Amino acid sequence: MTEAEIAGLKVAVERDHRCPATFRTTERVRETIGGKPLQLDIALFDILGHPRALICYAWYAPDSHPQQPRPVTVLREGLVRSSLDALRFALDEDEGRR
C-alpha cells in the first residue's frame, strides 16, 4: 500500500467517523468469495475520541474503479475483532444491500 493510498484512507476514516486517525500498520488478508480468492491489504488506524472504538480498519473496495477507488471503513467493535472480521462484515453488508 502506497503512502498516497494510506493518506486517502486516513481522510476516509476521519470523514466517516468524525475523529482524528493515526496510521498504525497494514495487514494482508485472504478470503474466498464465490469460489474466487481475494487478497487485500487492510490499513489499521488508531482513532481518538470515538465513543465506541479505538481502532478502524480501512481499504479500497476491490470492485471499485482504479481512477476513483471506493474506501471502506469498519470500526473494531462488537464481533469485529480483526482485519478478516472487518472484511467479512463489509462483504455481508454489501450483500445485504443487493
PDB file of N, CA and C in Angstrom:
ATOM      1  N   MET A   1       0.859  -1.169   0.000  1.00  0.00           N
ATOM      2  CA  MET A   1       0.000   0.000   0.000  1.00  0.00           C
ATOM      3  C   MET A   1       0.905   1.232   0.000  1.00  0.00           C
ATOM      4  N   THR A   2       0.593   2.164  -0.904  1.00  0.00           N
ATOM      5  CA  THR A   2       1.430   3.353  -1.029  1.00  0.00           C
ATOM      6  C   THR A   2       1.069   4.397   0.034  1.00  0.00           C
ATOM      7  N   GLU A   3       1.960   5.368   0.195  1.00  0.00           N
ATOM      8  CA  GLU A   3       1.691   6.460   1.143  1.00  0.00           C
ATOM      9  C   GLU A   3       0.460   7.260   0.720  1.00  0.00           C
ATOM     10  N   ALA A   4       0.276   7.427  -0.588  1.00  0.00           N
ATOM     11  CA  ALA A   4      -0.895   8.161  -1.085  1.00  0.00           C
ATOM     12  C   ALA A   4      -2.186   7.400  -0.768  1.00  0.00           C
ATOM     13  N   GLU A   5      -2.157   6.089  -0.911  1.00  0.00           N
ATOM     14  CA  GLU A   5      -3.343   5.282  -0.582  1.00  0.00           C
ATOM     15  C   GLU A   5      -3.653   5.368   0.912  1.00  0.00           C
ATOM     16  N   ILE A   6      -2.617   5.299   1.732  1.00  0.00           N
ATOM     17  CA  ILE A   6      -2.808   5.406   3.185  1.00  0.00           C
ATOM     18  C   ILE A   6      -3.385   6.776   3.535  1.00  0.00           C
ATOM     19  N   ALA A   7      -2.860   7.821   2.914  1.00  0.00           N
ATOM     20  CA  ALA A   7      -3.363   9.172   3.174  1.00  0.00           C
ATOM     21  C   ALA A   7      -4.837   9.289   2.777  1.00  0.00           C
ATOM     22  N   GLY A   8      -5.216   8.684   1.657  1.00  0.00           N
ATOM     23  CA  GLY A   8      -6.609   8.701   1.231  1.00  0.00           C
ATOM     24  C   GLY A   8      -7.514   7.956   2.182  1.00  0.00           C
ATOM     25  N   LEU A   9      -7.030   6.833   2.693  1.00  0.00           N
ATOM     26  CA  LEU A   9      -7.814   6.056   3.663  1.00  0.00           C
ATOM     27  C   LEU A   9      -7.941   6.814   4.980  1.00  0.00           C
ATOM     28  N   LYS A  10      -6.878   7.507   5.376  1.00  0.00           N
ATOM     29  CA  LYS A  10      -6.931   8.306   6.609  1.00  0.00           C
ATOM     30  C   LYS A  10      -8.026   9.360   6.506  1.00  0.00           C
ATOM     31  N   VAL A  11      -8.093  10.031   5.372  1.00  0.00           N
ATOM     32  CA  VAL A  11      -9.140  11.031   5.143  1.00  0.00           C
ATOM     33  C   VAL A  11     -10.518  10.386   5.242  1.00  0.00           C
ATOM     34  N   ALA A  12     -10.676   9.199   4.652  1.00  0.00           N
ATOM     35  CA  ALA A  12     -11.967   8.497   4.688  1.00  0.00           C
ATOM     36  C   ALA A  12     -12.354   8.119   6.119  1.00  0.00           C
ATOM     37  N   VAL A  13     -11.394   7.622   6.893  1.00  0.00           N
ATOM     38  CA  VAL A  13     -11.667   7.247   8.285  1.00  0.00           C
ATOM     39  C   VAL A  13     -12.100   8.470   9.077  1.00  0.00           C
ATOM     40  N   GLU A  14     -11.365   9.561   8.933  1.00  0.00           N
ATOM     41  CA  GLU A  14     -11.696  10.774   9.691  1.00  0.00           C
ATOM     42  C   GLU A  14     -13.047  11.346   9.265  1.00  0.00           C
ATOM     43  N   ARG A  15     -13.352  11.272   7.993  1.00  0.00           N
ATOM     44  CA  ARG A  15     -14.642  11.764   7.489  1.00  0.00           C
ATOM     45  C   ARG A  15     -15.799  10.870   7.966  1.00  0.00           C
ATOM     46  N   ASP A  16     -15.640   9.557   7.825  1.00  0.00           N
ATOM     47  CA  ASP A  16     -16.720   8.625   8.160  1.00  0.00           C
ATOM     48  C   ASP A  16     -17.020   8.573   9.654  1.00  0.00           C
ATOM     49  N   HIS A  17     -15.975   8.711  10.474  1.00  0.00           N
ATOM     50  CA  HIS A  17     -16.152   8.501  11.914  1.00  0.00           C
ATOM     51  C   HIS A  17     -15.930   9.763  12.745  1.00  0.00           C
ATOM     52  N   ARG A  18     -15.655  10.871  12.093  1.00  0.00           N
ATOM     53  CA  ARG A  18     -15.583  12.195  12.723  1.00  0.00           C
ATOM     54  C   ARG A  18     -14.637  12.258  13.921  1.00  0.00           C
ATOM     55  N   CYS A  19     -13.434  11.693  13.715  1.00  0.00           N
ATOM     56  CA  CYS A  19     -12.421  11.779  14.764  1.00  0.00           C
ATOM     57  C   CYS A  19     -11.037  11.635  14.117  1.00  0.00           C
ATOM     58  N   PRO A  20     -10.001  12.146  14.768  1.00  0.00           N
ATOM     59  CA  PRO A  20      -8.652  12.048  14.212  1.00  0.00           C
ATOM     60  C   PRO A  20      -8.174  10.600  14.150  1.00  0.00           C
ATOM     61  N   ALA A  21      -7.422  10.302  13.102  1.00  0.00           N
ATOM     62  CA  ALA A  21      -6.910   8.944  12.906  1.00  0.00           C
ATOM     63  C   ALA A  21      -5.399   8.992  12.699  1.00  0.00           C
ATOM     64  N   THR A  22      -4.727   7.976  13.218  1.00  0.00           N
ATOM     65  CA  THR A  22      -3.286   7.832  13.056  1.00  0.00           C
ATOM     66  C   THR A  22      -3.006   6.448  12.485  1.00  0.00           C
ATOM     67  N   PHE A  23      -2.298   6.398  11.359  1.00  0.00           N
ATOM     68  CA  PHE A  23      -1.972   5.119  10.726  1.00  0.00           C
ATOM     69  C   PHE A  23      -1.101   4.289  11.662  1.00  0.00           C
ATOM     70  N   ARG A  24      -1.448   3.009  11.795  1.00  0.00           N
ATOM     71  CA  ARG A  24      -0.681   2.089  12.635  1.00  0.00           C
ATOM     72  C   ARG A  24       0.120   1.110  11.774  1.00  0.00           C
ATOM     73  N   THR A  25      -0.556   0.342  10.904  1.00  0.00           N
ATOM     74  CA  THR A  25       0.101  -0.688  10.099  1.00  0.00           C
ATOM     75  C   THR A  25      -0.858  -1.181   9.035  1.00  0.00           C
ATOM     76  N   THR A  26      -0.368  -2.076   8.177  1.00  0.00           N
ATOM     77  CA  THR A  26      -1.255  -2.773   7.242  1.00  0.00           C
ATOM     78  C   THR A  26      -1.166  -4.268   7.501  1.00  0.00           C
ATOM     79  N   GLU A  27      -2.233  -4.942   7.185  1.00  0.00           N
ATOM     80  CA  GLU A  27      -2.283  -6.400   7.292  1.00  0.00           C
ATOM     81  C   GLU A  27      -2.822  -6.960   5.984  1.00  0.00           C
ATOM     82  N   ARG A  28      -2.217  -8.028   5.518  1.00  0.00           N
ATOM     83  CA  ARG A  28      -2.698  -8.700   4.308  1.00  0.00           C
ATOM     84  C   ARG A  28      -3.732  -9.743   4.724  1.00  0.00           C
ATOM     85  N   VAL A  29      -4.881  -9.700   4.059  1.00  0.00           N
ATOM     86  CA  VAL A  29      -5.992 -10.597   4.384  1.00  0.00           C
ATOM     87  C   VAL A  29      -6.357 -11.392   3.137  1.00  0.00           C
ATOM     88  N   ARG A  30      -6.599 -12.677   3.325  1.00  0.00           N
ATOM     89  CA  ARG A  30      -7.037 -13.544   2.234  1.00  0.00           C
ATOM     90  C   ARG A  30      -8.400 -14.128   2.585  1.00  0.00           C
ATOM     91  N   GLU A  31      -9.281 -14.128   1.587  1.00  0.00           N
ATOM     92  CA  GLU A  31     -10.627 -14.674   1.772  1.00  0.00           C
ATOM     93  C   GLU A  31     -11.082 -15.233   0.429  1.00  0.00           C
ATOM     94  N   THR A  32     -12.000 -16.175   0.454  1.00  0.00           N
ATOM     95  CA  THR A  32     -12.581 -16.726  -0.760  1.00  0.00           C
ATOM     96  C   THR A  32     -14.017 -16.254  -0.854  1.00  0.00           C
ATOM     97  N   ILE A  33     -14.355 -15.658  -1.990  1.00  0.00           N
ATOM     98  CA  ILE A  33     -15.697 -15.124  -2.191  1.00  0.00           C
ATOM     99  C   ILE A  33     -16.257 -15.694  -3.482  1.00  0.00           C
ATOM    100  N   GLY A  34     -17.352 -16.419  -3.349  1.00  0.00           N
ATOM    101  CA  GLY A  34     -17.944 -17.030  -4.545  1.00  0.00           C
ATOM    102  C   GLY A  34     -16.991 -17.953  -5.264  1.00  0.00           C
ATOM    103  N   GLY A  35     -16.144 -18.634  -4.513  1.00  0.00           N
ATOM    104  CA  GLY A  35     -15.174 -19.551  -5.096  1.00  0.00           C
ATOM    105  C   GLY A  35     -13.928 -18.870  -5.655  1.00  0.00           C
ATOM    106  N   LYS A  36     -13.868 -17.550  -5.569  1.00  0.00           N
ATOM    107  CA  LYS A  36     -12.716 -16.818  -6.088  1.00  0.00           C
ATOM    108  C   LYS A  36     -11.874 -16.291  -4.928  1.00  0.00           C
ATOM    109  N   PRO A  37     -10.552 -16.470  -5.017  1.00  0.00           N
ATOM    110  CA  PRO A  37      -9.690 -15.947  -3.958  1.00  0.00           C
ATOM    111  C   PRO A  37      -9.598 -14.425  -4.021  1.00  0.00           C
ATOM    112  N   LEU A  38      -9.567 -13.818  -2.855  1.00  0.00           N
ATOM    113  CA  LEU A  38      -9.433 -12.373  -2.736  1.00  0.00           C
ATOM    114  C   LEU A  38      -8.309 -12.091  -1.745  1.00  0.00           C
ATOM    115  N   GLN A  39      -7.410 -11.207  -2.123  1.00  0.00           N
ATOM    116  CA  GLN A  39      -6.317 -10.807  -1.227  1.00  0.00           C
ATOM    117  C   GLN A  39      -6.286  -9.288  -1.171  1.00  0.00           C
ATOM    118  N   LEU A  40      -6.363  -8.738   0.033  1.00  0.00           N
ATOM    119  CA  LEU A  40      -6.379  -7.288   0.222  1.00  0.00           C
ATOM    120  C   LEU A  40      -5.394  -6.868   1.293  1.00  0.00           C
ATOM    121  N   ASP A  41      -4.852  -5.674   1.141  1.00  0.00           N
ATOM    122  CA  ASP A  41      -4.093  -5.048   2.215  1.00  0.00           C
ATOM    123  C   ASP A  41      -5.060  -4.133   2.951  1.00  0.00           C
ATOM    124  N   ILE A  42      -5.179  -4.316   4.242  1.00  0.00           N
ATOM    125  CA  ILE A  42      -6.086  -3.529   5.072  1.00  0.00           C
ATOM    126  C   ILE A  42      -5.253  -2.682   6.021  1.00  0.00           C
ATOM    127  N   ALA A  43      -5.540  -1.382   6.035  1.00  0.00           N
ATOM    128  CA  ALA A  43      -4.827  -0.452   6.914  1.00  0.00           C
ATOM    129  C   ALA A  43      -5.536  -0.376   8.256  1.00  0.00           C
ATOM    130  N   LEU A  44      -4.763  -0.315   9.317  1.00  0.00           N
ATOM    131  CA  LEU A  44      -5.308  -0.128  10.662  1.00  0.00           C
ATOM    132  C   LEU A  44      -4.959   1.277  11.126  1.00  0.00           C
ATOM    133  N   PHE A  45      -5.961   1.953  11.670  1.00  0.00           N
ATOM    134  CA  PHE A  45      -5.787   3.302  12.185  1.00  0.00           C
ATOM    135  C   PHE A  45      -6.221   3.351  13.640  1.00  0.00           C
ATOM    136  N   ASP A  46      -5.421   4.007  14.464  1.00  0.00           N
ATOM    137  CA  ASP A  46      -5.858   4.342  15.813  1.00  0.00           C
ATOM    138  C   ASP A  46      -6.753   5.557  15.670  1.00  0.00           C
ATOM    139  N   ILE A  47      -7.904   5.534  16.345  1.00  0.00           N
ATOM    140  CA  ILE A  47      -8.798   6.687  16.283  1.00  0.00           C
ATOM    141  C   ILE A  47      -8.998   7.229  17.692  1.00  0.00           C
ATOM    142  N   LEU A  48      -8.989   8.545  17.799  1.00  0.00           N
ATOM    143  CA  LEU A  48      -9.066   9.203  19.100  1.00  0.00           C
ATOM    144  C   LEU A  48     -10.414   9.892  19.271  1.00  0.00           C
ATOM    145  N   GLY A  49     -11.031   9.685  20.409  1.00  0.00           N
ATOM    146  CA  GLY A  49     -12.256  10.391  20.722  1.00  0.00           C
ATOM    147  C   GLY A  49     -13.523   9.732  20.228  1.00  0.00           C
ATOM    148  N   HIS A  50     -13.424   8.555  19.633  1.00  0.00           N
ATOM    149  CA  HIS A  50     -14.642   7.875  19.197  1.00  0.00           C
ATOM    150  C   HIS A  50     -15.303   7.237  20.410  1.00  0.00           C
ATOM    151  N   PRO A  51     -16.630   7.322  20.526  1.00  0.00           N
ATOM    152  CA  PRO A  51     -17.298   6.808  21.725  1.00  0.00           C
ATOM    153  C   PRO A  51     -17.334   5.281  21.847  1.00  0.00           C
ATOM    154  N   ARG A  52     -17.127   4.544  20.726  1.00  0.00           N
ATOM    155  CA  ARG A  52     -17.269   3.091  20.806  1.00  0.00           C
ATOM    156  C   ARG A  52     -16.040   2.290  20.374  1.00  0.00           C
ATOM    157  N   ALA A  53     -15.065   2.935  19.750  1.00  0.00           N
ATOM    158  CA  ALA A  53     -13.950   2.161  19.193  1.00  0.00           C
ATOM    159  C   ALA A  53     -12.642   2.929  19.302  1.00  0.00           C
ATOM    160  N   LEU A  54     -11.549   2.177  19.327  1.00  0.00           N
ATOM    161  CA  LEU A  54     -10.204   2.750  19.357  1.00  0.00           C
ATOM    162  C   LEU A  54      -9.444   2.489  18.065  1.00  0.00           C
ATOM    163  N   ILE A  55      -9.958   1.546  17.247  1.00  0.00           N
ATOM    164  CA  ILE A  55      -9.279   1.143  16.014  1.00  0.00           C
ATOM    165  C   ILE A  55     -10.288   1.111  14.876  1.00  0.00           C
ATOM    166  N   CYS A  56      -9.819   1.509  13.696  1.00  0.00           N
ATOM    167  CA  CYS A  56     -10.631   1.434  12.487  1.00  0.00           C
ATOM    168  C   CYS A  56      -9.821   0.724  11.404  1.00  0.00           C
ATOM    169  N   TYR A  57     -10.483  -0.177  10.680  1.00  0.00           N
ATOM    170  CA  TYR A  57      -9.884  -0.872   9.535  1.00  0.00           C
ATOM    171  C   TYR A  57     -10.322  -0.148   8.272  1.00  0.00           C
ATOM    172  N   ALA A  58      -9.426  -0.025   7.303  1.00  0.00           N
ATOM    173  CA  ALA A  58      -9.784   0.669   6.066  1.00  0.00           C
ATOM    174  C   ALA A  58      -9.046   0.058   4.874  1.00  0.00           C
ATOM    175  N   TRP A  59      -9.739   0.033   3.732  1.00  0.00           N
ATOM    176  CA  TRP A  59      -9.163  -0.471   2.495  1.00  0.00           C
ATOM    177  C   TRP A  59      -9.986   0.059   1.338  1.00  0.00           C
ATOM    178  N   TYR A  60      -9.501  -0.191   0.144  1.00  0.00           N
ATOM    179  CA  TYR A  60     -10.243   0.196  -1.051  1.00  0.00           C
ATOM    180  C   TYR A  60     -11.000  -1.019  -1.562  1.00  0.00           C
ATOM    181  N   ALA A  61     -12.280  -0.823  -1.861  1.00  0.00           N
ATOM    182  CA  ALA A  61     -13.118  -1.917  -2.348  1.00  0.00           C
ATOM    183  C   ALA A  61     -12.497  -2.502  -3.617  1.00  0.00           C
ATOM    184  N   PRO A  62     -12.402  -3.830  -3.665  1.00  0.00           N
ATOM    185  CA  PRO A  62     -11.752  -4.452  -4.823  1.00  0.00           C
ATOM    186  C   PRO A  62     -12.531  -4.258  -6.120  1.00  0.00           C
ATOM    187  N   ASP A  63     -13.824  -3.955  -6.039  1.00  0.00           N
ATOM    188  CA  ASP A  63     -14.633  -3.783  -7.247  1.00  0.00           C
ATOM    189  C   ASP A  63     -14.741  -2.327  -7.687  1.00  0.00           C
ATOM    190  N   SER A  64     -14.021  -1.427  -7.014  1.00  0.00           N
ATOM    191  CA  SER A  64     -14.107  -0.002  -7.372  1.00  0.00           C
ATOM    192  C   SER A  64     -13.208   0.302  -8.566  1.00  0.00           C
ATOM    193  N   HIS A  65     -13.519   1.389  -9.255  1.00  0.00           N
ATOM    194  CA  HIS A  65     -12.772   1.820 -10.437  1.00  0.00           C
ATOM    195  C   HIS A  65     -11.396   2.329 -10.017  1.00  0.00           C
ATOM    196  N   PRO A  66     -10.343   1.935 -10.724  1.00  0.00           N
ATOM    197  CA  PRO A  66      -8.985   2.373 -10.335  1.00  0.00           C
ATOM    198  C   PRO A  66      -8.820   3.892 -10.288  1.00  0.00           C
ATOM    199  N   GLN A  67      -9.541   4.620 -11.134  1.00  0.00           N
ATOM    200  CA  GLN A  67      -9.434   6.075 -11.140  1.00  0.00           C
ATOM    201  C   GLN A  67     -10.199   6.726  -9.995  1.00  0.00           C
ATOM    202  N   GLN A  68     -11.200   6.010  -9.441  1.00  0.00           N
ATOM    203  CA  GLN A  68     -11.995   6.510  -8.316  1.00  0.00           C
ATOM    204  C   GLN A  68     -12.198   5.384  -7.310  1.00  0.00           C
ATOM    205  N   PRO A  69     -11.137   5.014  -6.597  1.00  0.00           N
ATOM    206  CA  PRO A  69     -11.278   3.912  -5.642  1.00  0.00           C
ATOM    207  C   PRO A  69     -12.261   4.261  -4.526  1.00  0.00           C
ATOM    208  N   ARG A  70     -13.049   3.278  -4.136  1.00  0.00           N
ATOM    209  CA  ARG A  70     -14.056   3.476  -3.080  1.00  0.00           C
ATOM    210  C   ARG A  70     -13.500   2.966  -1.753  1.00  0.00           C
ATOM    211  N   PRO A  71     -13.258   3.878  -0.794  1.00  0.00           N
ATOM    212  CA  PRO A  71     -12.746   3.430   0.503  1.00  0.00           C
ATOM    213  C   PRO A  71     -13.841   2.753   1.323  1.00  0.00           C
ATOM    214  N   VAL A  72     -13.428   1.768   2.093  1.00  0.00           N
ATOM    215  CA  VAL A  72     -14.308   1.069   3.024  1.00  0.00           C
ATOM    216  C   VAL A  72     -13.696   1.236   4.404  1.00  0.00           C
ATOM    217  N   THR A  73     -14.502   1.622   5.388  1.00  0.00           N
ATOM    218  CA  THR A  73     -14.010   1.757   6.763  1.00  0.00           C
ATOM    219  C   THR A  73     -14.921   0.970   7.699  1.00  0.00           C
ATOM    220  N   VAL A  74     -14.319   0.239   8.619  1.00  0.00           N
ATOM    221  CA  VAL A  74     -15.066  -0.572   9.582  1.00  0.00           C
ATOM    222  C   VAL A  74     -14.412  -0.407  10.952  1.00  0.00           C
ATOM    223  N   LEU A  75     -15.213  -0.080  11.939  1.00  0.00           N
ATOM    224  CA  LEU A  75     -14.706   0.061  13.306  1.00  0.00           C
ATOM    225  C   LEU A  75     -14.470  -1.296  13.955  1.00  0.00           C
ATOM    226  N   ARG A  76     -13.474  -1.351  14.835  1.00  0.00           N
ATOM    227  CA  ARG A  76     -13.277  -2.551  15.652  1.00  0.00           C
ATOM    228  C   ARG A  76     -14.226  -2.423  16.848  1.00  0.00           C
ATOM    229  N   GLU A  77     -15.346  -3.104  16.736  1.00  0.00           N
ATOM    230  CA  GLU A  77     -16.342  -3.120  17.810  1.00  0.00           C
ATOM    231  C   GLU A  77     -17.232  -4.336  17.622  1.00  0.00           C
ATOM    232  N   GLY A  78     -17.917  -4.736  18.672  1.00  0.00           N
ATOM    233  CA  GLY A  78     -18.816  -5.886  18.589  1.00  0.00           C
ATOM    234  C   GLY A  78     -18.073  -7.132  18.160  1.00  0.00           C
ATOM    235  N   LEU A  79     -18.556  -7.764  17.107  1.00  0.00           N
ATOM    236  CA  LEU A  79     -17.948  -9.003  16.621  1.00  0.00           C
ATOM    237  C   LEU A  79     -16.736  -8.771  15.723  1.00  0.00           C
ATOM    238  N   VAL A  80     -16.462  -7.537  15.385  1.00  0.00           N
ATOM    239  CA  VAL A  80     -15.302  -7.219  14.549  1.00  0.00           C
ATOM    240  C   VAL A  80     -14.092  -7.050  15.450  1.00  0.00           C
ATOM    241  N   ARG A  81     -13.194  -8.052  15.412  1.00  0.00           N
ATOM    242  CA  ARG A  81     -12.007  -8.047  16.273  1.00  0.00           C
ATOM    243  C   ARG A  81     -10.703  -8.172  15.490  1.00  0.00           C
ATOM    244  N   SER A  82     -10.803  -8.290  14.140  1.00  0.00           N
ATOM    245  CA  SER A  82      -9.602  -8.448  13.322  1.00  0.00           C
ATOM    246  C   SER A  82      -9.855  -7.884  11.925  1.00  0.00           C
ATOM    247  N   SER A  83      -8.798  -7.798  11.142  1.00  0.00           N
ATOM    248  CA  SER A  83      -8.928  -7.334   9.762  1.00  0.00           C
ATOM    249  C   SER A  83      -9.844  -8.255   8.958  1.00  0.00           C
ATOM    250  N   LEU A  84      -9.694  -9.555   9.165  1.00  0.00           N
ATOM    251  CA  LEU A  84     -10.541 -10.515   8.456  1.00  0.00           C
ATOM    252  C   LEU A  84     -12.003 -10.346   8.860  1.00  0.00           C
ATOM    253  N   ASP A  85     -12.259 -10.156  10.155  1.00  0.00           N
ATOM    254  CA  ASP A  85     -13.634  -9.894  10.605  1.00  0.00           C
ATOM    255  C   ASP A  85     -14.202  -8.646   9.925  1.00  0.00           C
ATOM    256  N   ALA A  86     -13.388  -7.599   9.819  1.00  0.00           N
ATOM    257  CA  ALA A  86     -13.837  -6.348   9.202  1.00  0.00           C
ATOM    258  C   ALA A  86     -14.196  -6.575   7.736  1.00  0.00           C
ATOM    259  N   LEU A  87     -13.351  -7.310   7.024  1.00  0.00           N
ATOM    260  CA  LEU A  87     -13.622  -7.614   5.624  1.00  0.00           C
ATOM    261  C   LEU A  87     -14.922  -8.408   5.491  1.00  0.00           C
ATOM    262  N   ARG A  88     -15.073  -9.440   6.294  1.00  0.00           N
ATOM    263  CA  ARG A  88     -16.292 -10.257   6.232  1.00  0.00           C
ATOM    264  C   ARG A  88     -17.535  -9.431   6.569  1.00  0.00           C
ATOM    265  N   PHE A  89     -17.419  -8.546   7.553  1.00  0.00           N
ATOM    266  CA  PHE A  89     -18.533  -7.673   7.925  1.00  0.00           C
ATOM    267  C   PHE A  89     -18.938  -6.794   6.738  1.00  0.00           C
ATOM    268  N   ALA A  90     -17.952  -6.179   6.093  1.00  0.00           N
ATOM    269  CA  ALA A  90     -18.233  -5.298   4.962  1.00  0.00           C
ATOM    270  C   ALA A  90     -18.837  -6.075   3.793  1.00  0.00           C
ATOM    271  N   LEU A  91     -18.332  -7.286   3.546  1.00  0.00           N
ATOM    272  CA  LEU A  91     -18.883  -8.099   2.464  1.00  0.00           C
ATOM    273  C   LEU A  91     -20.330  -8.471   2.761  1.00  0.00           C
ATOM    274  N   ASP A  92     -20.626  -8.822   4.002  1.00  0.00           N
ATOM    275  CA  ASP A  92     -22.004  -9.133   4.402  1.00  0.00           C
ATOM    276  C   ASP A  92     -22.909  -7.922   4.218  1.00  0.00           C
ATOM    277  N   GLU A  93     -22.411  -6.735   4.586  1.00  0.00           N
ATOM    278  CA  GLU A  93     -23.185  -5.504   4.424  1.00  0.00           C
ATOM    279  C   GLU A  93     -23.484  -5.236   2.951  1.00  0.00           C
ATOM    280  N   ASP A  94     -22.455  -5.414   2.100  1.00  0.00           N
ATOM    281  CA  ASP A  94     -22.648  -5.215   0.656  1.00  0.00           C
ATOM    282  C   ASP A  94     -23.667  -6.205   0.105  1.00  0.00           C
ATOM    283  N   GLU A  95     -23.577  -7.441   0.544  1.00  0.00           N
ATOM    284  CA  GLU A  95     -24.503  -8.481   0.079  1.00  0.00           C
ATOM    285  C   GLU A  95     -25.929  -8.148   0.498  1.00  0.00           C
ATOM    286  N   GLY A  96     -26.100  -7.605   1.693  1.00  0.00           N
ATOM    287  CA  GLY A  96     -27.429  -7.241   2.194  1.00  0.00           C
ATOM    288  C   GLY A  96     -28.051  -6.090   1.424  1.00  0.00           C
ATOM    289  N   ARG A  97     -27.231  -5.251   0.803  1.00  0.00           N
ATOM    290  CA  ARG A  97     -27.752  -4.110   0.014  1.00  0.00           C
ATOM    291  C   ARG A  97     -28.216  -4.518  -1.364  1.00  0.00           C
ATOM    292  N   ARG A  98     -27.800  -5.662  -1.815  1.00  0.00           N
ATOM    293  CA  ARG A  98     -28.153  -6.099  -3.190  1.00  0.00           C
ATOM    294  C   ARG A  98     -29.494  -6.729  -3.223  1.00  0.00           C
TER     295      ARG A  98
END
